[in-house]
Amino acid sequence: MITNAGIAYEKGNINSAWGLWGRLSSTLASKINTKSVKVYITEAKLKDPKSIWNFFERPILENRGINIEYIIVK
């Protein structure tokens, strides 16, 4: 299990756990080898410009031409 290891989670701060998770997510997004993905996400995270999804993952997938299917969860 990966945790924040006592590092503060501050959205927008690349030196916080937010940045750590963002880098991990970016690496995973860059290695997707399918033409489409399903994303399970809340409305709040979908609308948040500093969510890991919007700031890191989505741009990588879009730039790679991967089709994104959103499944909104509560």
PDB file of N, CA and C in Angstrom:
ATOM      1  N   MET A   1       0.837  -1.179   0.000  1.00  0.00           N
ATOM      2  CA  MET A   1       0.000   0.000   0.000  1.00  0.00           C
ATOM      3  C   MET A   1       0.882   1.242   0.000  1.00  0.00           C
ATOM      4  N   ILE A   2       0.557   2.203  -0.857  1.00  0.00           N
ATOM      5  CA  ILE A   2       1.289   3.461  -0.910  1.00  0.00           C
ATOM      6  C   ILE A   2       0.523   4.495  -0.090  1.00  0.00           C
ATOM      7  N   THR A   3       1.225   5.207   0.769  1.00  0.00           N
ATOM      8  CA  THR A   3       0.595   6.263   1.564  1.00  0.00           C
ATOM      9  C   THR A   3       1.333   7.574   1.307  1.00  0.00           C
ATOM     10  N   ASN A   4       0.848   8.632   1.919  1.00  0.00           N
ATOM     11  CA  ASN A   4       1.507   9.930   1.780  1.00  0.00           C
ATOM     12  C   ASN A   4       2.760  10.035   2.642  1.00  0.00           C
ATOM     13  N   ALA A   5       3.033   9.035   3.443  1.00  0.00           N
ATOM     14  CA  ALA A   5       4.247   8.963   4.268  1.00  0.00           C
ATOM     15  C   ALA A   5       4.473  10.229   5.087  1.00  0.00           C
ATOM     16  N   GLY A   6       3.402  10.793   5.615  1.00  0.00           N
ATOM     17  CA  GLY A   6       3.525  11.976   6.457  1.00  0.00           C
ATOM     18  C   GLY A   6       3.743  13.268   5.695  1.00  0.00           C
ATOM     19  N   ILE A   7       3.682  13.220   4.370  1.00  0.00           N
ATOM     20  CA  ILE A   7       3.868  14.422   3.549  1.00  0.00           C
ATOM     21  C   ILE A   7       2.512  15.107   3.385  1.00  0.00           C
ATOM     22  N   ALA A   8       2.486  16.418   3.560  1.00  0.00           N
ATOM     23  CA  ALA A   8       1.239  17.170   3.415  1.00  0.00           C
ATOM     24  C   ALA A   8       0.701  17.041   1.991  1.00  0.00           C
ATOM     25  N   TYR A   9      -0.627  17.010   1.862  1.00  0.00           N
ATOM     26  CA  TYR A   9      -1.287  16.938   0.559  1.00  0.00           C
ATOM     27  C   TYR A   9      -1.870  18.313   0.273  1.00  0.00           C
ATOM     28  N   GLU A  10      -1.198  19.080  -0.577  1.00  0.00           N
ATOM     29  CA  GLU A  10      -1.630  20.428  -0.913  1.00  0.00           C
ATOM     30  C   GLU A  10      -1.848  20.526  -2.415  1.00  0.00           C
ATOM     31  N   LYS A  11      -3.110  20.648  -2.815  1.00  0.00           N
ATOM     32  CA  LYS A  11      -3.405  20.762  -4.246  1.00  0.00           C
ATOM     33  C   LYS A  11      -2.634  21.927  -4.845  1.00  0.00           C
ATOM     34  N   GLY A  12      -2.015  21.671  -5.976  1.00  0.00           N
ATOM     35  CA  GLY A  12      -1.268  22.697  -6.679  1.00  0.00           C
ATOM     36  C   GLY A  12       0.188  22.801  -6.265  1.00  0.00           C
ATOM     37  N   ASN A  13       0.579  22.129  -5.189  1.00  0.00           N
ATOM     38  CA  ASN A  13       1.963  22.170  -4.719  1.00  0.00           C
ATOM     39  C   ASN A  13       2.680  20.903  -5.187  1.00  0.00           C
ATOM     40  N   ILE A  14       3.491  21.056  -6.204  1.00  0.00           N
ATOM     41  CA  ILE A  14       4.172  19.915  -6.807  1.00  0.00           C
ATOM     42  C   ILE A  14       5.122  19.226  -5.829  1.00  0.00           C
ATOM     43  N   ASN A  15       5.534  19.938  -4.771  1.00  0.00           N
ATOM     44  CA  ASN A  15       6.439  19.370  -3.776  1.00  0.00           C
ATOM     45  C   ASN A  15       5.716  18.682  -2.626  1.00  0.00           C
ATOM     46  N   SER A  16       4.400  18.626  -2.680  1.00  0.00           N
ATOM     47  CA  SER A  16       3.619  17.949  -1.636  1.00  0.00           C
ATOM     48  C   SER A  16       3.232  16.553  -2.119  1.00  0.00           C
ATOM     49  N   ALA A  17       2.474  15.849  -1.314  1.00  0.00           N
ATOM     50  CA  ALA A  17       1.994  14.521  -1.710  1.00  0.00           C
ATOM     51  C   ALA A  17       1.139  14.599  -2.976  1.00  0.00           C
ATOM     52  N   TRP A  18       0.480  15.735  -3.191  1.00  0.00           N
ATOM     53  CA  TRP A  18      -0.298  15.945  -4.425  1.00  0.00           C
ATOM     54  C   TRP A  18       0.620  15.766  -5.640  1.00  0.00           C
ATOM     55  N   GLY A  19       1.798  16.358  -5.590  1.00  0.00           N
ATOM     56  CA  GLY A  19       2.759  16.222  -6.688  1.00  0.00           C
ATOM     57  C   GLY A  19       3.279  14.803  -6.826  1.00  0.00           C
ATOM     58  N   LEU A  20       3.496  14.148  -5.691  1.00  0.00           N
ATOM     59  CA  LEU A  20       3.939  12.749  -5.698  1.00  0.00           C
ATOM     60  C   LEU A  20       2.916  11.866  -6.411  1.00  0.00           C
ATOM     61  N   TRP A  21       1.650  11.996  -6.017  1.00  0.00           N
ATOM     62  CA  TRP A  21       0.584  11.219  -6.650  1.00  0.00           C
ATOM     63  C   TRP A  21       0.430  11.611  -8.120  1.00  0.00           C
ATOM     64  N   GLY A  22       0.617  12.887  -8.404  1.00  0.00           N
ATOM     65  CA  GLY A  22       0.520  13.342  -9.789  1.00  0.00           C
ATOM     66  C   GLY A  22       1.578  12.723 -10.684  1.00  0.00           C
ATOM     67  N   ARG A  23       2.795  12.651 -10.176  1.00  0.00           N
ATOM     68  CA  ARG A  23       3.874  12.037 -10.959  1.00  0.00           C
ATOM     69  C   ARG A  23       3.625  10.549 -11.176  1.00  0.00           C
ATOM     70  N   LEU A  24       3.148   9.883 -10.136  1.00  0.00           N
ATOM     71  CA  LEU A  24       2.815   8.464 -10.263  1.00  0.00           C
ATOM     72  C   LEU A  24       1.706   8.277 -11.302  1.00  0.00           C
ATOM     73  N   SER A  25       0.663   9.085 -11.206  1.00  0.00           N
ATOM     74  CA  SER A  25      -0.454   8.990 -12.144  1.00  0.00           C
ATOM     75  C   SER A  25      -0.026   9.325 -13.566  1.00  0.00           C
ATOM     76  N   SER A  26       0.860  10.296 -13.708  1.00  0.00           N
ATOM     77  CA  SER A  26       1.364  10.655 -15.041  1.00  0.00           C
ATOM     78  C   SER A  26       2.102   9.487 -15.679  1.00  0.00           C
ATOM     79  N   THR A  27       2.909   8.820 -14.894  1.00  0.00           N
ATOM     80  CA  THR A  27       3.644   7.656 -15.399  1.00  0.00           C
ATOM     81  C   THR A  27       2.682   6.573 -15.872  1.00  0.00           C
ATOM     82  N   LEU A  28       1.666   6.305 -15.049  1.00  0.00           N
ATOM     83  CA  LEU A  28       0.692   5.284 -15.437  1.00  0.00           C
ATOM     84  C   LEU A  28      -0.082   5.697 -16.688  1.00  0.00           C
ATOM     85  N   ALA A  29      -0.503   6.953 -16.757  1.00  0.00           N
ATOM     86  CA  ALA A  29      -1.265   7.436 -17.922  1.00  0.00           C
ATOM     87  C   ALA A  29      -0.427   7.355 -19.200  1.00  0.00           C
ATOM     88  N   SER A  30       0.855   7.577 -19.081  1.00  0.00           N
ATOM     89  CA  SER A  30       1.722   7.540 -20.268  1.00  0.00           C
ATOM     90  C   SER A  30       1.971   6.122 -20.764  1.00  0.00           C
ATOM     91  N   LYS A  31       1.635   5.133 -19.950  1.00  0.00           N
ATOM     92  CA  LYS A  31       1.873   3.740 -20.331  1.00  0.00           C
ATOM     93  C   LYS A  31       0.606   3.002 -20.779  1.00  0.00           C
ATOM     94  N   ILE A  32      -0.531   3.679 -20.803  1.00  0.00           N
ATOM     95  CA  ILE A  32      -1.774   3.056 -21.267  1.00  0.00           C
ATOM     96  C   ILE A  32      -1.575   2.620 -22.714  1.00  0.00           C
ATOM     97  N   ASN A  33      -1.922   1.386 -23.016  1.00  0.00           N
ATOM     98  CA  ASN A  33      -1.706   0.892 -24.378  1.00  0.00           C
ATOM     99  C   ASN A  33      -3.003   0.435 -25.044  1.00  0.00           C
ATOM    100  N   THR A  34      -4.099   1.127 -24.712  1.00  0.00           N
ATOM    101  CA  THR A  34      -5.368   0.854 -25.359  1.00  0.00           C
ATOM    102  C   THR A  34      -5.849   2.118 -26.056  1.00  0.00           C
ATOM    103  N   LYS A  35      -6.858   1.986 -26.897  1.00  0.00           N
ATOM    104  CA  LYS A  35      -7.396   3.137 -27.629  1.00  0.00           C
ATOM    105  C   LYS A  35      -8.421   3.908 -26.825  1.00  0.00           C
ATOM    106  N   SER A  36      -8.936   3.294 -25.757  1.00  0.00           N
ATOM    107  CA  SER A  36      -9.935   3.974 -24.934  1.00  0.00           C
ATOM    108  C   SER A  36      -9.821   3.511 -23.486  1.00  0.00           C
ATOM    109  N   VAL A  37     -10.304   4.377 -22.587  1.00  0.00           N
ATOM    110  CA  VAL A  37     -10.300   4.061 -21.158  1.00  0.00           C
ATOM    111  C   VAL A  37     -11.641   4.469 -20.557  1.00  0.00           C
ATOM    112  N   LYS A  38     -12.025   3.795 -19.491  1.00  0.00           N
ATOM    113  CA  LYS A  38     -13.185   4.181 -18.699  1.00  0.00           C
ATOM    114  C   LYS A  38     -12.656   4.830 -17.433  1.00  0.00           C
ATOM    115  N   VAL A  39     -13.200   6.001 -17.121  1.00  0.00           N
ATOM    116  CA  VAL A  39     -12.769   6.738 -15.937  1.00  0.00           C
ATOM    117  C   VAL A  39     -13.940   6.842 -14.982  1.00  0.00           C
ATOM    118  N   TYR A  40     -13.790   6.302 -13.798  1.00  0.00           N
ATOM    119  CA  TYR A  40     -14.793   6.403 -12.747  1.00  0.00           C
ATOM    120  C   TYR A  40     -14.402   7.601 -11.883  1.00  0.00           C
ATOM    121  N   ILE A  41     -15.272   8.611 -11.855  1.00  0.00           N
ATOM    122  CA  ILE A  41     -14.907   9.871 -11.214  1.00  0.00           C
ATOM    123  C   ILE A  41     -16.148  10.561 -10.660  1.00  0.00           C
ATOM    124  N   THR A  42     -15.971  11.325  -9.610  1.00  0.00           N
ATOM    125  CA  THR A  42     -17.088  12.107  -9.070  1.00  0.00           C
ATOM    126  C   THR A  42     -17.228  13.401  -9.870  1.00  0.00           C
ATOM    127  N   GLU A  43     -18.402  14.006  -9.803  1.00  0.00           N
ATOM    128  CA  GLU A  43     -18.626  15.303 -10.461  1.00  0.00           C
ATOM    129  C   GLU A  43     -17.638  16.339  -9.938  1.00  0.00           C
ATOM    130  N   ALA A  44     -17.422  16.322  -8.621  1.00  0.00           N
ATOM    131  CA  ALA A  44     -16.520  17.310  -8.009  1.00  0.00           C
ATOM    132  C   ALA A  44     -15.109  17.197  -8.569  1.00  0.00           C
ATOM    133  N   LYS A  45     -14.580  15.993  -8.668  1.00  0.00           N
ATOM    134  CA  LYS A  45     -13.228  15.804  -9.198  1.00  0.00           C
ATOM    135  C   LYS A  45     -13.167  16.125 -10.692  1.00  0.00           C
ATOM    136  N   LEU A  46     -14.243  15.837 -11.404  1.00  0.00           N
ATOM    137  CA  LEU A  46     -14.289  16.136 -12.829  1.00  0.00           C
ATOM    138  C   LEU A  46     -14.226  17.638 -13.078  1.00  0.00           C
ATOM    139  N   LYS A  47     -14.815  18.422 -12.185  1.00  0.00           N
ATOM    140  CA  LYS A  47     -14.866  19.885 -12.337  1.00  0.00           C
ATOM    141  C   LYS A  47     -13.669  20.597 -11.703  1.00  0.00           C
ATOM    142  N   ASP A  48     -12.910  19.906 -10.883  1.00  0.00           N
ATOM    143  CA  ASP A  48     -11.795  20.524 -10.152  1.00  0.00           C
ATOM    144  C   ASP A  48     -10.550  20.595 -11.040  1.00  0.00           C
ATOM    145  N   PRO A  49     -10.120  21.797 -11.418  1.00  0.00           N
ATOM    146  CA  PRO A  49      -8.959  21.909 -12.315  1.00  0.00           C
ATOM    147  C   PRO A  49      -7.648  21.405 -11.693  1.00  0.00           C
ATOM    148  N   LYS A  50      -7.604  21.302 -10.370  1.00  0.00           N
ATOM    149  CA  LYS A  50      -6.390  20.819  -9.715  1.00  0.00           C
ATOM    150  C   LYS A  50      -6.513  19.383  -9.224  1.00  0.00           C
ATOM    151  N   SER A  51      -7.550  18.678  -9.679  1.00  0.00           N
ATOM    152  CA  SER A  51      -7.632  17.257  -9.335  1.00  0.00           C
ATOM    153  C   SER A  51      -6.506  16.530 -10.069  1.00  0.00           C
ATOM    154  N   ILE A  52      -6.083  15.426  -9.515  1.00  0.00           N
ATOM    155  CA  ILE A  52      -5.034  14.627 -10.163  1.00  0.00           C
ATOM    156  C   ILE A  52      -5.464  14.292 -11.589  1.00  0.00           C
ATOM    157  N   TRP A  53      -6.733  13.997 -11.760  1.00  0.00           N
ATOM    158  CA  TRP A  53      -7.262  13.660 -13.076  1.00  0.00           C
ATOM    159  C   TRP A  53      -7.072  14.804 -14.068  1.00  0.00           C
ATOM    160  N   ASN A  54      -7.574  15.983 -13.723  1.00  0.00           N
ATOM    161  CA  ASN A  54      -7.539  17.111 -14.665  1.00  0.00           C
ATOM    162  C   ASN A  54      -6.150  17.709 -14.840  1.00  0.00           C
ATOM    163  N   PHE A  55      -5.357  17.712 -13.818  1.00  0.00           N
ATOM    164  CA  PHE A  55      -4.054  18.361 -13.894  1.00  0.00           C
ATOM    165  C   PHE A  55      -2.982  17.466 -14.512  1.00  0.00           C
ATOM    166  N   PHE A  56      -3.064  16.184 -14.250  1.00  0.00           N
ATOM    167  CA  PHE A  56      -2.009  15.272 -14.703  1.00  0.00           C
ATOM    168  C   PHE A  56      -2.483  14.259 -15.746  1.00  0.00           C
ATOM    169  N   GLU A  57      -3.467  13.437 -15.377  1.00  0.00           N
ATOM    170  CA  GLU A  57      -3.819  12.277 -16.203  1.00  0.00           C
ATOM    171  C   GLU A  57      -4.540  12.625 -17.499  1.00  0.00           C
ATOM    172  N   ARG A  58      -5.614  13.394 -17.414  1.00  0.00           N
ATOM    173  CA  ARG A  58      -6.435  13.686 -18.595  1.00  0.00           C
ATOM    174  C   ARG A  58      -5.631  14.305 -19.741  1.00  0.00           C
ATOM    175  N   PRO A  59      -4.803  15.334 -19.472  1.00  0.00           N
ATOM    176  CA  PRO A  59      -4.038  15.916 -20.583  1.00  0.00           C
ATOM    177  C   PRO A  59      -3.131  14.907 -21.296  1.00  0.00           C
ATOM    178  N   ILE A  60      -2.538  14.012 -20.539  1.00  0.00           N
ATOM    179  CA  ILE A  60      -1.663  13.005 -21.146  1.00  0.00           C
ATOM    180  C   ILE A  60      -2.466  12.090 -22.068  1.00  0.00           C
ATOM    181  N   LEU A  61      -3.607  11.611 -21.560  1.00  0.00           N
ATOM    182  CA  LEU A  61      -4.435  10.711 -22.369  1.00  0.00           C
ATOM    183  C   LEU A  61      -4.975  11.423 -23.608  1.00  0.00           C
ATOM    184  N   GLU A  62      -5.432  12.656 -23.451  1.00  0.00           N
ATOM    185  CA  GLU A  62      -5.956  13.407 -24.600  1.00  0.00           C
ATOM    186  C   GLU A  62      -4.867  13.653 -25.632  1.00  0.00           C
ATOM    187  N   ASN A  63      -3.675  14.024 -25.185  1.00  0.00           N
ATOM    188  CA  ASN A  63      -2.566  14.278 -26.111  1.00  0.00           C
ATOM    189  C   ASN A  63      -2.144  13.021 -26.858  1.00  0.00           C
ATOM    190  N   ARG A  64      -2.407  11.879 -26.265  1.00  0.00           N
ATOM    191  CA  ARG A  64      -2.070  10.606 -26.904  1.00  0.00           C
ATOM    192  C   ARG A  64      -3.210  10.090 -27.785  1.00  0.00           C
ATOM    193  N   GLY A  65      -4.337  10.835 -27.833  1.00  0.00           N
ATOM    194  CA  GLY A  65      -5.461  10.443 -28.679  1.00  0.00           C
ATOM    195  C   GLY A  65      -6.288   9.302 -28.119  1.00  0.00           C
ATOM    196  N   ILE A  66      -6.222   9.081 -26.825  1.00  0.00           N
ATOM    197  CA  ILE A  66      -6.979   7.993 -26.200  1.00  0.00           C
ATOM    198  C   ILE A  66      -8.392   8.477 -25.894  1.00  0.00           C
ATOM    199  N   ASN A  67      -9.382   7.711 -26.317  1.00  0.00           N
ATOM    200  CA  ASN A  67     -10.778   8.042 -26.063  1.00  0.00           C
ATOM    201  C   ASN A  67     -11.091   7.827 -24.584  1.00  0.00           C
ATOM    202  N   ILE A  68     -11.796   8.794 -23.985  1.00  0.00           N
ATOM    203  CA  ILE A  68     -12.112   8.727 -22.558  1.00  0.00           C
ATOM    204  C   ILE A  68     -13.619   8.620 -22.380  1.00  0.00           C
ATOM    205  N   GLU A  69     -14.047   7.566 -21.701  1.00  0.00           N
ATOM    206  CA  GLU A  69     -15.465   7.378 -21.358  1.00  0.00           C
ATOM    207  C   GLU A  69     -15.610   7.650 -19.870  1.00  0.00           C
ATOM    208  N   TYR A  70     -16.434   8.641 -19.539  1.00  0.00           N
ATOM    209  CA  TYR A  70     -16.622   9.008 -18.135  1.00  0.00           C
ATOM    210  C   TYR A  70     -17.795   8.237 -17.522  1.00  0.00           C
ATOM    211  N   ILE A  71     -17.566   7.727 -16.340  1.00  0.00           N
ATOM    212  CA  ILE A  71     -18.619   7.091 -15.552  1.00  0.00           C
ATOM    213  C   ILE A  71     -18.644   7.848 -14.224  1.00  0.00           C
ATOM    214  N   ILE A  72     -19.718   8.611 -14.036  1.00  0.00           N
ATOM    215  CA  ILE A  72     -19.827   9.457 -12.854  1.00  0.00           C
ATOM    216  C   ILE A  72     -20.306   8.634 -11.670  1.00  0.00           C
ATOM    217  N   VAL A  73     -19.576   8.735 -10.572  1.00  0.00           N
ATOM    218  CA  VAL A  73     -19.922   8.019  -9.330  1.00  0.00           C
ATOM    219  C   VAL A  73     -20.197   9.038  -8.238  1.00  0.00           C
ATOM    220  N   LYS A  74     -20.868   8.561  -7.189  1.00  0.00           N
ATOM    221  CA  LYS A  74     -21.159   9.463  -6.062  1.00  0.00           C
ATOM    222  C   LYS A  74     -20.147   9.312  -4.980  1.00  0.00           C
TER     223      LYS A  74
END
